Protein backbone atom coordinates (compact mmCIF):
# COMPACT_ATOMS: atom_id res chain seq x y z
CA UNK A 1 60.54 71.33 121.57
CA UNK A 2 59.05 74.78 120.88
CA UNK A 3 59.93 75.87 124.40
CA UNK A 4 63.54 74.73 123.93
CA UNK A 5 63.83 76.65 120.64
CA UNK A 6 62.42 79.75 122.31
CA UNK A 7 64.92 79.48 125.17
CA UNK A 8 67.83 79.12 122.73
CA UNK A 9 66.58 82.13 120.76
CA UNK A 10 66.30 84.23 123.92
CA UNK A 11 69.80 83.23 125.01
CA UNK A 12 71.27 84.29 121.65
CA UNK A 13 69.31 87.55 121.74
CA UNK A 14 70.52 88.28 125.29
CA UNK A 15 74.11 87.51 124.31
CA UNK A 16 73.89 89.86 121.31
CA UNK A 17 72.40 92.63 123.46
CA UNK A 18 75.16 92.18 126.04
CA UNK A 19 77.85 92.41 123.34
CA UNK A 20 76.30 95.60 121.98
CA UNK A 21 76.18 97.20 125.43
CA UNK A 22 79.85 96.36 126.00
CA UNK A 23 80.87 97.71 122.59
CA UNK A 24 79.08 100.98 123.30
CA UNK A 25 81.56 101.53 126.15
CA UNK A 26 84.46 101.85 123.70
CA UNK A 27 85.34 104.38 121.08
CA UNK A 28 88.89 103.33 120.12
CA UNK A 29 90.19 100.17 118.47
CA UNK A 30 93.77 99.06 117.83
CA UNK A 31 94.34 97.02 114.65
CA UNK A 32 97.49 94.89 114.18
CA UNK A 33 99.42 95.77 111.04
CA UNK A 34 100.33 92.07 110.85
CA UNK A 35 97.95 89.37 112.05
CA UNK A 36 99.34 86.27 113.73
CA UNK A 37 98.57 84.07 110.71
CA UNK A 38 100.06 86.55 108.21
CA UNK A 39 103.51 86.15 106.68
CA UNK A 40 103.98 89.84 105.85
CA UNK A 41 102.74 93.22 107.06
CA UNK A 42 99.18 93.96 105.93
CA UNK A 43 99.08 90.75 103.90
CA UNK A 44 96.21 90.77 101.37
CA UNK A 45 95.39 94.27 102.68
CA UNK A 46 93.58 92.74 105.68
CA UNK A 47 94.79 95.32 108.19
CA UNK A 48 93.83 98.35 106.11
CA UNK A 49 90.46 96.78 105.25
CA UNK A 50 89.79 96.02 108.93
CA UNK A 51 90.61 99.62 109.84
CA UNK A 52 88.35 101.04 107.13
CA UNK A 53 85.40 98.80 108.04
CA UNK A 54 85.70 99.67 111.74
CA UNK A 55 85.84 103.38 110.88
CA UNK A 56 82.70 103.01 108.77
CA UNK A 57 81.01 101.58 111.88
CA UNK A 58 81.97 104.69 113.86
CA UNK A 59 85.08 103.64 115.78
CA UNK A 60 88.29 105.67 115.93
CA UNK A 61 90.99 103.27 114.77
CA UNK A 62 94.78 103.13 115.11
CA UNK A 63 97.34 100.64 113.83
CA UNK A 64 99.57 99.06 116.47
CA UNK A 65 102.59 100.84 114.94
CA UNK A 66 100.96 104.30 115.13
CA UNK A 67 101.98 106.94 117.67
CA UNK A 68 99.02 107.30 120.01
CA UNK A 69 97.82 110.60 121.49
CA UNK A 70 99.35 110.95 125.02
CA UNK A 71 96.01 110.64 126.86
CA UNK A 72 95.17 107.46 124.98
CA UNK A 73 98.65 105.97 125.35
CA UNK A 74 98.36 106.46 129.12
CA UNK A 75 95.09 104.53 129.26
CA UNK A 76 95.32 101.52 126.94
CA UNK A 77 92.32 99.95 128.67
CA UNK A 78 90.11 102.52 126.98
CA UNK A 79 90.88 100.74 123.70
CA UNK A 80 89.77 97.48 122.19
CA UNK A 81 92.12 95.36 120.09
CA UNK A 82 90.90 93.81 116.86
CA UNK A 83 91.93 90.27 116.00
CA UNK A 84 91.12 88.03 113.07
CA UNK A 85 91.18 84.24 113.31
CA UNK A 86 91.96 82.26 110.17
CA UNK A 87 90.21 78.88 110.02
CA UNK A 88 90.54 78.44 106.26
CA UNK A 89 90.38 75.03 104.60
CA UNK A 90 91.53 73.80 101.23
CA UNK A 91 88.58 75.21 99.27
CA UNK A 92 87.07 77.83 101.57
CA UNK A 93 88.60 80.90 103.21
CA UNK A 94 87.15 81.36 106.70
CA UNK A 95 87.81 84.37 108.96
CA UNK A 96 86.33 85.42 112.30
CA UNK A 97 86.47 88.94 113.77
CA UNK A 98 87.22 89.34 117.48
CA UNK A 99 87.36 92.53 119.57
CA UNK A 100 89.21 92.15 122.88
CA UNK A 101 89.73 94.39 125.90
CA UNK A 102 93.13 95.18 127.46
CA UNK A 103 92.99 91.95 129.50
CA UNK A 104 92.40 89.79 126.44
CA UNK A 105 88.72 89.22 127.27
CA UNK A 106 86.57 88.84 124.15
CA UNK A 107 84.07 91.71 124.03
CA UNK A 108 82.73 90.82 120.61
CA UNK A 109 82.94 87.74 118.39
CA UNK A 110 81.29 87.83 114.99
CA UNK A 111 80.08 85.09 112.72
CA UNK A 112 82.55 83.18 110.57
CA UNK A 113 82.98 84.95 107.26
CA UNK A 114 83.47 82.70 104.23
CA UNK A 115 84.59 82.95 100.63
CA UNK A 116 85.14 80.37 97.90
CA UNK A 117 87.18 82.68 95.66
CA UNK A 118 90.21 80.85 94.29
CA UNK A 119 92.68 83.75 94.41
CA UNK A 120 94.01 84.62 97.85
CA UNK A 121 93.61 88.37 97.68
CA UNK A 122 89.89 88.58 96.78
CA UNK A 123 89.16 85.49 98.91
CA UNK A 124 90.56 86.96 102.12
CA UNK A 125 88.96 90.35 101.56
CA UNK A 126 85.55 88.84 100.76
CA UNK A 127 85.72 86.58 103.83
CA UNK A 128 86.71 89.54 106.05
CA UNK A 129 83.82 91.68 104.80
CA UNK A 130 81.47 88.75 105.39
CA UNK A 131 82.90 88.39 108.91
CA UNK A 132 81.90 92.00 109.61
CA UNK A 133 78.22 91.25 108.94
CA UNK A 134 77.50 90.56 112.63
CA UNK A 135 79.13 93.81 113.73
CA UNK A 136 77.41 95.81 111.00
CA UNK A 137 74.04 94.46 112.17
CA UNK A 138 74.55 96.02 115.60
CA UNK A 139 73.38 99.54 116.40
CA UNK A 140 76.73 100.64 117.82
CA UNK A 141 76.90 104.10 119.42
CA UNK A 142 79.62 105.21 121.81
CA UNK A 143 78.01 106.18 125.13
CA UNK A 144 80.97 107.99 126.71
CA UNK A 145 81.46 105.41 129.48
CA UNK A 146 85.23 105.20 129.11
CA UNK A 147 86.86 108.08 131.05
CA UNK A 148 89.91 108.57 128.84
CA UNK A 149 90.37 111.97 127.22
CA UNK A 150 89.44 112.10 123.58
CA UNK A 151 92.17 112.95 121.05
CA UNK A 152 91.19 115.74 118.72
CA UNK A 153 89.91 114.43 115.43
CA UNK A 154 91.26 115.74 112.18
CA UNK A 155 88.75 117.99 110.50
CA UNK A 156 87.14 116.41 107.48
CA UNK A 157 88.00 117.97 104.15
CA UNK A 158 85.08 118.41 101.80
CA UNK A 159 86.01 117.29 98.32
CA UNK A 160 84.89 119.65 95.55
CA UNK A 161 82.36 118.54 92.99
CA UNK A 162 83.97 117.15 89.84
CA UNK A 163 82.55 117.82 86.40
CA UNK A 164 82.97 115.46 83.48
CA UNK A 165 86.17 116.60 81.75
CA UNK A 166 85.79 118.06 78.27
CA UNK A 167 89.35 117.93 76.91
CA UNK A 168 90.49 120.41 74.30
CA UNK A 169 93.82 118.60 73.95
CA UNK A 170 94.35 115.35 72.06
CA UNK A 171 93.38 112.23 74.01
CA UNK A 172 95.75 109.26 74.06
CA UNK A 173 93.78 106.09 74.73
CA UNK A 174 95.79 103.31 76.38
CA UNK A 175 93.52 100.30 76.97
CA UNK A 176 94.59 97.60 79.40
CA UNK A 177 96.47 94.80 77.67
CA UNK A 178 95.53 91.14 78.09
CA UNK A 179 98.33 90.64 80.62
CA UNK A 180 97.38 93.57 82.85
CA UNK A 181 96.49 92.90 86.48
CA UNK A 182 93.09 93.37 88.03
CA UNK A 183 92.99 96.09 90.68
CA UNK A 184 91.17 95.40 93.93
CA UNK A 185 89.30 98.21 95.71
CA UNK A 186 89.73 98.45 99.47
CA UNK A 187 87.42 100.84 101.32
CA UNK A 188 88.97 103.77 103.17
CA UNK A 189 87.48 106.59 105.22
CA UNK A 190 87.50 108.88 102.15
CA UNK A 191 86.90 106.43 99.32
CA UNK A 192 89.02 103.49 98.17
CA UNK A 193 92.57 102.44 97.53
CA UNK A 194 93.28 100.30 94.47
CA UNK A 195 95.90 97.60 94.94
CA UNK A 196 97.33 94.91 92.72
CA UNK A 197 98.02 91.30 93.76
CA UNK A 198 101.47 92.11 95.27
CA UNK A 199 99.73 93.81 97.11
CA UNK A 200 100.94 97.27 96.12
CA UNK A 201 98.83 100.41 96.25
CA UNK A 202 98.41 101.77 92.73
CA UNK A 203 95.88 104.56 93.22
CA UNK A 204 94.06 106.33 96.04
CA UNK A 205 90.46 107.28 95.18
CA UNK A 206 88.67 110.14 96.95
CA UNK A 207 84.88 110.44 96.85
CA UNK A 208 83.28 113.42 95.12
CA UNK A 209 79.69 114.68 94.95
CA UNK A 210 79.27 112.95 91.57
CA UNK A 211 78.43 109.24 91.63
CA UNK A 212 81.14 106.96 90.18
CA UNK A 213 83.60 109.88 89.92
CA UNK A 214 86.70 109.90 92.10
CA UNK A 215 89.72 112.15 92.48
CA UNK A 216 92.66 109.82 91.89
CA UNK A 217 96.13 110.16 93.41
CA UNK A 218 99.11 108.14 92.16
CA UNK A 219 102.82 108.36 92.96
CA UNK A 220 103.41 110.23 89.70
CA UNK A 221 100.48 112.65 89.85
CA UNK A 222 96.72 112.96 90.05
CA UNK A 223 93.70 112.65 87.80
CA UNK A 224 90.18 111.24 87.71
CA UNK A 225 88.77 107.72 87.88
CA UNK A 226 85.21 107.39 86.59
CA UNK A 227 82.74 104.93 85.08
CA UNK A 228 81.65 105.35 81.46
CA UNK A 229 79.35 102.90 79.66
CA UNK A 230 79.90 100.33 82.41
CA UNK A 231 83.71 100.53 82.26
CA UNK A 232 86.22 102.29 84.53
CA UNK A 233 88.75 104.81 83.22
CA UNK A 234 91.68 106.69 84.74
CA UNK A 235 92.37 110.02 83.00
CA UNK A 236 95.26 112.36 83.68
CA UNK A 237 97.44 114.87 81.84
CA UNK A 238 100.91 114.02 80.57
CA UNK A 239 102.25 117.40 79.61
CA UNK A 240 99.54 118.92 77.39
CA UNK A 241 98.12 115.53 76.41
CA UNK A 242 95.15 113.93 78.16
CA UNK A 243 95.82 110.23 78.73
CA UNK A 244 92.91 107.83 79.21
CA UNK A 245 93.54 104.37 80.67
CA UNK A 246 90.90 101.69 80.99
CA UNK A 247 90.97 99.92 84.36
CA UNK A 248 89.61 96.58 85.52
CA UNK A 249 88.49 97.10 89.11
CA UNK A 250 86.95 94.59 91.51
CA UNK A 251 85.02 96.11 94.41
């Protein structure tokens, strides 16, 4: 019995090592903006979350509706394609991450991510992040095997440090009412985007050098989102008046 368990363990270890070696051959991943089980584009923010999580792992990621750099467009086999399988039941959301080559061969298959959240939006995002656990456990590093030319990366912009604002103008406090929606934080390459249950992007948050302080960008202007006494606030100027809004954010 012990010998059988050891053999099974060695087989799983060898399979994981083989997957890692194959992944190291690839730098680029294509992410569908609408998965096969989705009813709308980027439903529940799954596509943008997939892209952000892959970028955090070190991949260069494009959506399938992006215009690719010419060298990359001419050699699609230098890219992997991300896919997510939905095996959800009545009470549990279940998602599995797959990375396939240009011939549809599965290069990587992660563990099944699960969530028992009742609301669809947090349930699908929690299950997807859980599904990434297997990939995150791998020591991925691109080894330059693929011969395609590399598109030039956009230079990173260093965000300036943000000091705690000391307003000299009157502050208008507008706390969230009982009927206000919770905002869900989706990771991005530069911070987070906050979306409601539509899902509609409400704010883009950009990391700063100060913990729990973000530069915030909305359709109508910009401001700061920060944590104070365990609560999140969005502050911005409306004319000469500083407006402070309390937010309920789920990360």
